[in-house]
Amino acid sequence: MSVTIRDAMTAPELFGGQFSGDTWSAWRALLAGFYGLPLTDDERPDFLSLTGRKSVPQSAFDELWLVVGRRGGKSQCAALLAVFEAAFNDYTDRLSPGEVATVMILAADRKQARSVFRYISGLIESNPMLAAMVAREDKESIELTNRTAIEVHTASFRATRGYTVACCIADEIAFWRSEDSANPDFEILNAIRPAMATLEGKLIALSSPYSKRGALWDTYRRYFGLHDNSVLVAQAPSKVMNPSLPQRVIDQAFTRDPEAAKAEYGAQFRSDLEAFINREVVEGVTRSDPLELPYNSRHRYFAFADPAGGGQDEYTMSIGHREDSRVIVDLVRAQKGVPSEITAEYAALMKAYGIRQAHSDKYAGSWPADEFAKHGITIEYSPKPRSELYLDALPALTSGRVELPPDDRLITQFSGLERKTSRAGRDSVNHPPGAHDDRANAAAGVIALNAHGSQIWDYSKLL
């Protein structure tokens, strides 16, 4: 007799001690429907409410997309589903000699991946029968004796290559970011689906919602409430999926930032965020080559630096000049390392382009000006914050009066920027959570410095 997901969540000898209570009733109804189990009278209303459907399913689905608020139990259920798919399914008749069926959990970052893996390891270790199935375990994988393995990875299309995947669990997919792609979620899913073909694997995506773009929004828009036989989409606020969540936590979040709280705890896609500039526009003003234009004595050059004091941010610098009404961004440099050494290199590069005075983001404090001064470069701090530099640079970008270097990360950062409109009607521009905009900030500074009609700088100080 095979073990069902309902059995796994309710049987005392399995995980009934954690998942059988009323707190998990909505999750049990949803997962029972996903696996095509006949729903009980108690489960049916929960399933229909969560999925927006008018009738219960008659068979299992291939994909499950969950739009659930924070603290709604997503990580625990991701762990449960990983263990269920690995331990209670037999894939051996479809595996070649030496081949292993992999249950792959893709997380937004290493911290999130470790969090999910701890839940997985805890579920297995807490059950003597499952613990006896462990053949090998390390920090990111557990191999079982039934020729299956559970692995956690950070979200990358490279992580899926060479695997035979029985199930892919995409954790917090709305927050997957990549310096190399503006659409990493779509690219990863395109890479993972062929890896699941042999075993007819299941795709399970769980996430709090964010802006109205990306794979989560696209799937929600196309399938929520529709009677598709292969894709099931559910949506629920945190409190519905986790009734034990204190209401005061939710109330405090709504007091601090109502729009953010609607997404984080209400599971509603944000309506106050939109893309700042389309990727097609950025690519349209990007030259094919070279990556950096050499110094030309006919031009007068300007520089903008975005210093970083370490960590994940890059220390960036951009140089550009004007040709009639066009702004040419000659180069964008980006490095990680010792800030003082990078400053010395950038100062030498500025001098090579005839620059003795430059502008900088003032976020890093006074040390950039002091450090550049050691190398004969005077730094003036930007009179406008980063967000306003983007807004000032936008007209030149959209009208084609800019030429950008063919830097893939620069293009990705520009096209990933988001415009947020406050309740007072003011616009601000920033990168999404977990992303970076250091190269875009440096280039935007040069564009705003030079763009016709947006002379926000005191040119006399640069003479």
Protein backbone atom coordinates (compact mmCIF):
# COMPACT_ATOMS: atom_id res chain seq x y z
CA MET A 1 0.00 0.00 0.00
CA SER A 2 1.49 3.31 -1.08
CA VAL A 3 1.83 6.28 1.26
CA THR A 4 -0.19 9.38 0.25
CA ILE A 5 0.63 12.97 1.14
CA ARG A 6 -2.34 12.92 3.52
CA ASP A 7 -0.87 9.85 5.22
CA ALA A 8 2.50 11.57 5.54
CA MET A 9 0.88 14.59 7.21
CA THR A 10 -1.45 12.72 9.59
CA ALA A 11 0.04 9.32 10.45
CA PRO A 12 1.64 9.36 13.92
CA GLU A 13 4.46 7.11 12.72
CA LEU A 14 5.32 9.62 9.98
CA PHE A 15 4.83 13.39 10.42
CA GLY A 16 1.45 13.52 12.13
CA GLY A 17 3.02 15.04 15.18
CA GLN A 18 3.85 18.19 13.20
CA PHE A 19 1.30 18.43 10.38
CA SER A 20 -1.93 16.82 11.69
CA GLY A 21 -3.30 19.72 13.74
CA ASP A 22 -5.84 22.36 12.72
CA THR A 23 -3.01 24.79 11.94
CA TRP A 24 -2.15 22.70 8.87
CA SER A 25 -5.69 21.94 7.66
CA ALA A 26 -5.52 24.33 4.69
CA TRP A 27 -2.18 22.88 3.61
CA ARG A 28 -3.52 19.31 3.86
CA ALA A 29 -6.54 20.16 1.69
CA LEU A 30 -4.40 21.88 -0.92
CA LEU A 31 -1.78 19.15 -1.16
CA ALA A 32 -4.38 16.37 -1.18
CA GLY A 33 -6.03 18.05 -4.17
CA PHE A 34 -2.70 18.56 -5.90
CA TYR A 35 -1.94 14.83 -5.70
CA GLY A 36 -5.44 13.95 -6.94
CA LEU A 37 -6.75 12.42 -3.70
CA PRO A 38 -10.51 12.38 -3.06
CA LEU A 39 -11.20 15.37 -0.80
CA THR A 40 -13.15 15.07 2.43
CA ASP A 41 -16.12 17.28 3.22
CA ASP A 42 -13.84 19.37 5.45
CA GLU A 43 -11.11 19.68 2.82
CA ARG A 44 -13.30 20.60 -0.16
CA PRO A 45 -14.18 24.21 0.91
CA ASP A 46 -10.54 24.97 1.73
CA PHE A 47 -9.33 23.67 -1.61
CA LEU A 48 -11.90 25.63 -3.63
CA SER A 49 -11.26 28.83 -1.68
CA LEU A 50 -7.48 28.61 -2.07
CA THR A 51 -7.52 27.81 -5.79
CA GLY A 52 -10.49 29.90 -7.00
CA ARG A 53 -11.88 26.80 -8.71
CA LYS A 54 -15.54 25.79 -8.90
CA SER A 55 -15.00 22.05 -8.61
CA VAL A 56 -12.52 19.63 -7.09
CA PRO A 57 -9.93 17.85 -9.26
CA GLN A 58 -10.32 14.29 -10.48
CA SER A 59 -6.61 13.58 -10.99
CA ALA A 60 -3.14 14.73 -9.92
CA PHE A 61 -1.46 17.82 -11.34
CA ASP A 62 2.02 18.24 -12.80
CA GLU A 63 2.71 21.69 -11.37
CA LEU A 64 1.75 23.47 -8.16
CA TRP A 65 2.23 27.23 -7.80
CA LEU A 66 1.64 28.66 -4.33
CA VAL A 67 1.26 32.40 -3.74
CA VAL A 68 1.36 32.50 0.04
CA GLY A 69 2.20 35.26 2.51
CA ARG A 70 5.25 35.28 4.78
CA ARG A 71 5.27 33.00 7.82
CA GLY A 72 2.60 30.91 6.13
CA GLY A 73 4.54 27.65 6.45
CA LYS A 74 6.05 27.54 2.94
CA SER A 75 9.51 26.36 3.96
CA GLN A 76 8.16 23.60 6.20
CA CYS A 77 5.91 22.35 3.41
CA ALA A 78 8.74 22.57 0.89
CA ALA A 79 10.74 20.28 3.18
CA LEU A 80 7.78 17.93 3.63
CA LEU A 81 7.22 17.67 -0.13
CA ALA A 82 10.93 17.06 -0.75
CA VAL A 83 11.00 14.17 1.73
CA PHE A 84 7.69 12.76 0.46
CA GLU A 85 8.81 12.78 -3.19
CA ALA A 86 12.19 11.24 -2.37
CA ALA A 87 11.28 8.63 0.24
CA PHE A 88 7.81 7.43 -0.76
CA ASN A 89 8.10 7.11 -4.54
CA ASP A 90 9.84 4.39 -6.53
CA TYR A 91 11.69 5.61 -9.62
CA THR A 92 13.99 2.61 -10.10
CA ASP A 93 12.18 1.17 -13.13
CA ARG A 94 12.92 4.40 -15.06
CA LEU A 95 16.53 4.85 -13.95
CA SER A 96 19.55 3.63 -15.87
CA PRO A 97 22.31 1.73 -14.04
CA GLY A 98 24.11 4.18 -11.75
CA GLU A 99 21.50 6.91 -12.27
CA VAL A 100 19.90 8.65 -9.29
CA ALA A 101 16.53 10.42 -9.13
CA THR A 102 17.05 13.87 -7.64
CA VAL A 103 14.58 15.98 -5.71
CA MET A 104 16.00 19.44 -6.26
CA ILE A 105 15.22 22.44 -4.07
CA LEU A 106 16.18 25.77 -5.64
CA ALA A 107 16.31 28.71 -3.24
CA ALA A 108 16.85 32.42 -3.78
CA ASP A 109 20.18 32.45 -1.91
CA ARG A 110 22.41 30.28 0.26
CA LYS A 111 20.81 31.44 3.49
CA GLN A 112 17.36 30.40 2.31
CA ALA A 113 18.74 27.12 0.94
CA ARG A 114 20.30 26.29 4.31
CA SER A 115 17.04 27.08 6.07
CA VAL A 116 15.05 24.67 3.90
CA PHE A 117 17.75 22.00 4.18
CA ARG A 118 17.59 22.16 7.99
CA TYR A 119 13.86 21.42 7.84
CA ILE A 120 14.48 18.50 5.48
CA SER A 121 17.24 17.05 7.62
CA GLY A 122 15.12 17.47 10.74
CA LEU A 123 12.15 15.61 9.26
CA ILE A 124 14.33 12.68 8.22
CA GLU A 125 16.28 12.49 11.46
CA SER A 126 13.10 12.61 13.54
CA ASN A 127 11.78 9.42 11.93
CA PRO A 128 13.76 6.21 12.60
CA MET A 129 12.49 4.52 9.42
CA LEU A 130 13.60 7.40 7.22
CA ALA A 131 16.85 7.92 9.13
CA ALA A 132 17.74 4.30 8.33
CA MET A 133 17.38 5.08 4.60
CA VAL A 134 20.15 7.71 4.63
CA ALA A 135 23.20 6.43 2.74
CA ARG A 136 25.14 9.68 2.77
CA GLU A 137 24.60 13.25 3.93
CA ASP A 138 26.53 16.49 3.65
CA LYS A 139 25.68 20.18 4.02
CA GLU A 140 23.65 20.39 0.80
CA SER A 141 22.48 16.87 -0.04
CA ILE A 142 21.03 13.68 1.38
CA GLU A 143 21.33 10.44 -0.59
CA LEU A 144 18.86 7.67 0.24
CA THR A 145 19.18 3.93 -0.23
CA ASN A 146 16.28 3.84 -2.74
CA ARG A 147 18.40 5.58 -5.42
CA THR A 148 17.01 9.03 -4.76
CA ALA A 149 18.76 12.13 -3.48
CA ILE A 150 17.59 15.45 -2.07
CA GLU A 151 19.76 18.44 -2.97
CA VAL A 152 19.48 22.15 -2.31
CA HIS A 153 20.96 24.74 -4.66
CA THR A 154 20.84 28.47 -5.10
CA ALA A 155 18.68 29.41 -8.08
CA SER A 156 20.82 29.06 -11.23
CA PHE A 157 20.16 27.48 -14.60
CA ARG A 158 23.62 25.89 -14.34
CA ALA A 159 22.53 23.97 -11.23
CA THR A 160 20.08 21.85 -13.24
CA ARG A 161 22.50 20.52 -15.84
CA GLY A 162 23.28 16.80 -15.79
CA TYR A 163 20.53 15.80 -13.36
CA THR A 164 17.58 13.46 -13.65
CA VAL A 165 14.99 15.33 -11.62
CA ALA A 166 12.02 13.65 -9.98
CA CYS A 167 10.74 16.85 -8.43
CA CYS A 168 11.84 20.48 -8.46
CA ILE A 169 10.79 22.72 -5.60
CA ALA A 170 11.29 26.40 -6.42
CA ASP A 171 11.37 28.23 -3.09
CA GLU A 172 10.56 31.98 -3.06
CA ILE A 173 10.70 32.10 -6.85
CA ALA A 174 9.44 35.71 -6.96
CA PHE A 175 12.75 36.79 -5.41
CA TRP A 176 15.21 34.92 -7.60
CA ARG A 177 17.85 37.37 -8.84
CA SER A 178 20.87 37.04 -11.09
CA GLU A 179 23.60 39.43 -12.16
CA ASP A 180 23.67 37.65 -15.51
CA SER A 181 19.99 37.65 -16.43
CA ALA A 182 16.98 39.92 -16.14
CA ASN A 183 14.67 36.86 -16.14
CA PRO A 184 16.45 34.12 -14.17
CA ASP A 185 13.20 32.44 -13.11
CA PHE A 186 12.09 31.79 -16.69
CA GLU A 187 15.57 30.66 -17.73
CA ILE A 188 15.88 28.24 -14.80
CA LEU A 189 12.44 26.76 -15.42
CA ASN A 190 13.27 26.32 -19.11
CA ALA A 191 16.39 24.42 -18.05
CA ILE A 192 14.74 22.28 -15.36
CA ARG A 193 11.73 21.01 -17.32
CA PRO A 194 13.79 18.81 -19.70
CA ALA A 195 15.57 17.35 -16.66
CA MET A 196 12.17 16.22 -15.30
CA ALA A 197 10.92 14.68 -18.54
CA THR A 198 12.21 11.12 -18.01
CA LEU A 199 10.59 10.70 -14.60
CA GLU A 200 7.55 12.91 -15.37
CA GLY A 201 8.62 14.97 -12.40
CA LYS A 202 6.57 17.54 -10.54
CA LEU A 203 7.30 21.26 -10.36
CA ILE A 204 6.33 22.96 -7.11
CA ALA A 205 6.84 26.72 -6.80
CA LEU A 206 6.23 28.42 -3.46
CA SER A 207 6.64 32.13 -2.86
CA SER A 208 5.38 35.30 -1.32
CA PRO A 209 4.30 37.57 -4.18
CA TYR A 210 6.17 40.66 -5.29
CA SER A 211 5.68 42.80 -8.42
CA LYS A 212 3.44 41.96 -11.36
CA ARG A 213 6.15 40.41 -13.49
CA GLY A 214 8.18 37.21 -13.55
CA ALA A 215 7.23 33.54 -13.71
CA LEU A 216 5.07 33.56 -10.56
CA TRP A 217 2.92 36.47 -11.76
CA ASP A 218 2.74 35.05 -15.30
CA THR A 219 1.53 31.65 -14.07
CA TYR A 220 -0.90 33.20 -11.58
CA ARG A 221 -2.36 35.46 -14.27
CA ARG A 222 -2.81 32.58 -16.70
CA TYR A 223 -4.00 29.76 -14.44
CA PHE A 224 -5.49 30.95 -11.14
CA GLY A 225 -9.13 29.89 -10.93
CA LEU A 226 -9.00 28.08 -14.28
CA HIS A 227 -9.72 24.37 -14.65
CA ASP A 228 -6.42 23.37 -16.19
CA ASN A 229 -5.64 19.68 -15.71
CA SER A 230 -1.88 20.06 -15.31
CA VAL A 231 -1.21 23.37 -13.50
CA LEU A 232 -2.71 24.20 -10.11
CA VAL A 233 -2.35 27.72 -8.67
CA ALA A 234 -3.32 28.67 -5.12
CA GLN A 235 -3.26 31.99 -3.30
CA ALA A 236 -3.67 32.65 0.41
CA PRO A 237 -2.76 35.23 3.07
CA SER A 238 -0.37 34.17 5.81
CA LYS A 239 -3.09 33.87 8.44
CA VAL A 240 -5.12 31.42 6.33
CA MET A 241 -2.20 29.02 5.94
CA ASN A 242 -0.89 29.60 9.46
CA PRO A 243 -3.70 30.50 11.90
CA SER A 244 -1.19 30.53 14.77
CA LEU A 245 0.58 33.62 13.37
CA PRO A 246 0.00 36.47 15.87
CA GLN A 247 -2.33 39.11 14.44
CA ARG A 248 -0.24 41.87 16.02
CA VAL A 249 2.67 40.96 13.71
CA ILE A 250 0.45 41.51 10.68
CA ASP A 251 -1.11 44.70 12.10
CA GLN A 252 2.31 46.20 12.80
CA ALA A 253 3.44 45.44 9.25
CA PHE A 254 0.40 47.18 7.78
CA THR A 255 1.04 50.21 9.98
CA ARG A 256 4.66 50.48 8.80
CA ASP A 257 4.08 49.97 5.07
CA PRO A 258 0.58 49.00 3.85
CA GLU A 259 1.63 48.23 0.27
CA ALA A 260 4.47 45.97 1.33
CA ALA A 261 2.30 44.25 3.97
CA LYS A 262 -0.40 43.49 1.39
CA ALA A 263 2.19 41.44 -0.47
CA GLU A 264 4.11 39.98 2.45
CA TYR A 265 1.14 38.96 4.59
CA GLY A 266 -1.89 39.44 2.33
CA ALA A 267 -0.38 37.50 -0.61
CA GLN A 268 -1.40 40.24 -3.07
CA PHE A 269 0.89 41.22 -5.93
CA ARG A 270 2.12 44.77 -5.49
CA SER A 271 0.40 47.42 -7.59
CA ASP A 272 2.79 50.22 -6.59
CA LEU A 273 5.78 48.73 -8.43
CA GLU A 274 6.53 48.69 -12.13
CA ALA A 275 9.55 48.24 -14.34
CA PHE A 276 11.58 51.44 -14.59
CA ILE A 277 12.78 50.82 -18.14
CA ASN A 278 12.27 47.93 -20.56
CA ARG A 279 15.23 45.77 -21.44
CA GLU A 280 14.54 46.38 -25.15
CA VAL A 281 15.10 50.12 -24.61
CA VAL A 282 18.41 49.52 -22.82
CA GLU A 283 19.60 47.08 -25.46
CA GLY A 284 18.57 49.56 -28.16
CA VAL A 285 21.05 52.18 -26.89
CA THR A 286 23.88 49.68 -26.31
CA ARG A 287 26.72 49.64 -28.86
CA SER A 288 27.87 46.30 -30.19
CA ASP A 289 31.54 46.94 -29.33
CA PRO A 290 34.01 47.82 -27.97
CA LEU A 291 33.43 47.38 -24.27
CA GLU A 292 35.55 50.48 -23.56
CA LEU A 293 36.22 53.44 -25.84
CA PRO A 294 39.78 54.81 -25.77
CA TYR A 295 40.65 58.39 -24.84
CA ASN A 296 40.19 60.96 -27.61
CA SER A 297 41.64 64.43 -27.13
CA ARG A 298 38.68 65.99 -28.99
CA HIS A 299 36.34 65.20 -26.12
CA ARG A 300 35.91 66.50 -22.60
CA TYR A 301 35.29 63.65 -20.20
CA PHE A 302 33.32 63.30 -16.98
CA ALA A 303 33.43 60.60 -14.32
CA PHE A 304 31.08 59.28 -11.66
CA ALA A 305 32.10 56.84 -8.92
CA ASP A 306 29.92 54.61 -6.75
CA PRO A 307 32.29 53.44 -4.01
CA ALA A 308 31.73 50.28 -1.98
CA GLY A 309 33.36 49.43 1.31
CA GLY A 310 33.31 45.67 0.83
CA GLY A 311 30.66 42.96 0.99
CA GLN A 312 28.61 41.96 -2.05
CA ASP A 313 28.50 45.41 -3.65
CA GLU A 314 30.88 46.32 -6.44
CA TYR A 315 32.99 49.47 -6.36
CA THR A 316 32.06 51.02 -9.70
CA MET A 317 33.17 53.96 -11.81
CA SER A 318 31.96 55.29 -15.15
CA ILE A 319 33.48 57.72 -17.66
CA GLY A 320 31.56 59.46 -20.42
CA HIS A 321 31.44 62.47 -22.72
CA ARG A 322 29.01 64.43 -24.92
CA GLU A 323 28.77 64.40 -28.68
CA ASP A 324 26.23 67.05 -29.66
CA SER A 325 23.03 66.00 -27.86
CA ARG A 326 24.15 62.41 -27.21
CA VAL A 327 25.78 61.06 -24.06
CA ILE A 328 28.44 58.47 -24.76
CA VAL A 329 29.29 56.22 -21.81
CA ASP A 330 32.85 55.28 -22.69
CA LEU A 331 33.34 52.70 -19.99
CA VAL A 332 32.00 51.24 -16.76
CA ARG A 333 34.44 49.56 -14.40
CA ALA A 334 33.37 47.34 -11.49
CA GLN A 335 35.54 45.59 -8.93
CA LYS A 336 35.48 43.91 -5.55
CA GLY A 337 38.51 44.07 -3.32
CA VAL A 338 40.48 46.51 -1.21
CA PRO A 339 38.77 49.93 -1.63
CA SER A 340 41.98 51.95 -1.33
CA GLU A 341 43.66 49.91 -4.07
CA ILE A 342 40.62 50.21 -6.36
CA THR A 343 40.51 53.97 -5.73
CA ALA A 344 44.14 54.30 -6.80
CA GLU A 345 43.44 52.38 -10.02
CA TYR A 346 40.33 54.42 -10.81
CA ALA A 347 42.15 57.70 -10.13
CA ALA A 348 44.87 56.74 -12.59
CA LEU A 349 42.21 55.86 -15.18
CA MET A 350 40.48 59.21 -14.70
CA LYS A 351 43.77 61.03 -15.23
CA ALA A 352 44.32 59.07 -18.42
CA TYR A 353 41.08 60.62 -19.71
CA GLY A 354 42.08 64.10 -18.59
CA ILE A 355 39.77 64.11 -15.57
CA ARG A 356 40.92 65.86 -12.40
CA GLN A 357 37.51 66.42 -10.80
CA ALA A 358 34.73 63.86 -10.62
CA HIS A 359 31.42 63.20 -8.90
CA SER A 360 30.48 60.46 -6.49
CA ASP A 361 27.56 58.96 -4.67
CA LYS A 362 27.71 60.34 -1.13
CA TYR A 363 26.26 57.19 0.44
CA ALA A 364 29.74 55.95 1.40
CA GLY A 365 30.54 59.04 3.49
CA SER A 366 33.67 61.18 3.30
CA TRP A 367 36.31 58.50 2.75
CA PRO A 368 36.05 58.41 -1.09
CA ALA A 369 36.86 62.12 -1.35
CA ASP A 370 39.74 61.72 1.09
CA GLU A 371 41.07 58.66 -0.70
CA PHE A 372 40.80 60.15 -4.20
CA ALA A 373 42.49 63.34 -2.96
CA LYS A 374 45.60 61.28 -2.18
CA HIS A 375 45.86 60.63 -5.92
CA GLY A 376 45.13 64.15 -7.12
CA ILE A 377 41.43 63.75 -7.91
CA THR A 378 38.85 66.10 -6.38
CA ILE A 379 35.47 64.56 -5.62
CA GLU A 380 32.22 66.50 -5.60
CA TYR A 381 29.28 64.65 -4.09
CA SER A 382 26.13 64.25 -6.11
CA PRO A 383 23.53 66.89 -5.19
CA LYS A 384 20.82 64.33 -5.89
CA PRO A 385 20.32 60.81 -4.51
CA ARG A 386 20.59 57.72 -6.66
CA SER A 387 16.84 57.51 -7.31
CA GLU A 388 16.70 61.03 -8.76
CA LEU A 389 19.74 60.35 -10.94
CA TYR A 390 17.84 57.47 -12.53
CA LEU A 391 14.78 59.66 -13.09
CA ASP A 392 16.97 62.41 -14.63
CA ALA A 393 18.70 59.90 -16.90
CA LEU A 394 15.47 58.27 -18.11
CA PRO A 395 14.48 60.79 -20.83
CA ALA A 396 17.88 60.51 -22.50
CA LEU A 397 17.71 56.70 -22.38
CA THR A 398 14.19 56.43 -23.80
CA SER A 399 14.84 59.00 -26.54
CA GLY A 400 17.97 57.21 -27.75
CA ARG A 401 20.32 60.04 -26.78
CA VAL A 402 22.60 57.66 -24.88
CA GLU A 403 25.19 55.10 -25.93
CA LEU A 404 25.97 52.39 -23.38
CA PRO A 405 28.85 49.90 -23.44
CA PRO A 406 28.01 46.21 -24.14
CA ASP A 407 28.25 45.21 -20.47
CA ASP A 408 25.72 42.41 -19.80
CA ARG A 409 25.51 43.11 -16.08
CA LEU A 410 24.97 46.80 -16.72
CA ILE A 411 22.10 45.98 -19.07
CA THR A 412 20.60 43.53 -16.57
CA GLN A 413 20.85 46.03 -13.73
CA PHE A 414 19.21 48.83 -15.70
CA SER A 415 16.37 46.61 -16.92
CA GLY A 416 15.84 45.20 -13.42
CA LEU A 417 15.25 48.57 -11.78
CA GLU A 418 11.83 49.24 -10.30
CA ARG A 419 9.82 52.42 -10.07
CA LYS A 420 7.73 52.76 -6.90
CA THR A 421 4.96 55.34 -6.56
CA SER A 422 4.23 56.45 -3.01
CA ARG A 423 0.78 57.30 -1.66
CA ALA A 424 1.77 60.96 -2.05
CA GLY A 425 2.38 60.38 -5.76
CA ARG A 426 6.18 60.64 -5.64
CA ASP A 427 8.27 58.24 -7.70
CA SER A 428 11.41 56.52 -6.51
CA VAL A 429 13.67 54.06 -8.30
CA ASN A 430 15.63 51.20 -6.76
CA HIS A 431 16.80 47.67 -7.40
CA PRO A 432 14.61 44.74 -6.27
CA PRO A 433 15.37 42.89 -3.01
CA GLY A 434 18.50 40.78 -3.36
CA ALA A 435 19.64 42.50 -6.55
CA HIS A 436 22.34 45.11 -7.23
CA ASP A 437 22.55 48.31 -9.25
CA ASP A 438 26.14 49.49 -8.72
CA ARG A 439 27.05 49.58 -12.43
CA ALA A 440 23.75 51.17 -13.40
CA ASN A 441 24.20 53.82 -10.72
CA ALA A 442 27.65 54.79 -12.03
CA ALA A 443 26.40 55.00 -15.61
CA ALA A 444 23.28 56.95 -14.58
CA GLY A 445 25.50 59.48 -12.83
CA VAL A 446 27.44 60.16 -16.03
CA ILE A 447 24.23 60.33 -18.08
CA ALA A 448 22.59 62.79 -15.66
CA LEU A 449 25.83 64.80 -15.59
CA ASN A 450 25.81 65.21 -19.36
CA ALA A 451 22.22 64.88 -20.53
CA HIS A 452 20.88 67.89 -22.39
CA GLY A 453 18.24 69.73 -20.42
CA SER A 454 19.13 68.17 -17.07
CA GLN A 455 22.10 70.24 -15.97
CA ILE A 456 21.94 69.41 -12.28
CA TRP A 457 25.64 70.05 -11.80
CA ASP A 458 27.65 73.22 -11.30
CA TYR A 459 29.86 73.06 -14.40
CA SER A 460 32.05 75.92 -13.19
CA LYS A 461 33.50 73.62 -10.52
CA LEU A 462 34.70 71.27 -13.25
CA LEU A 463 36.56 73.90 -15.28
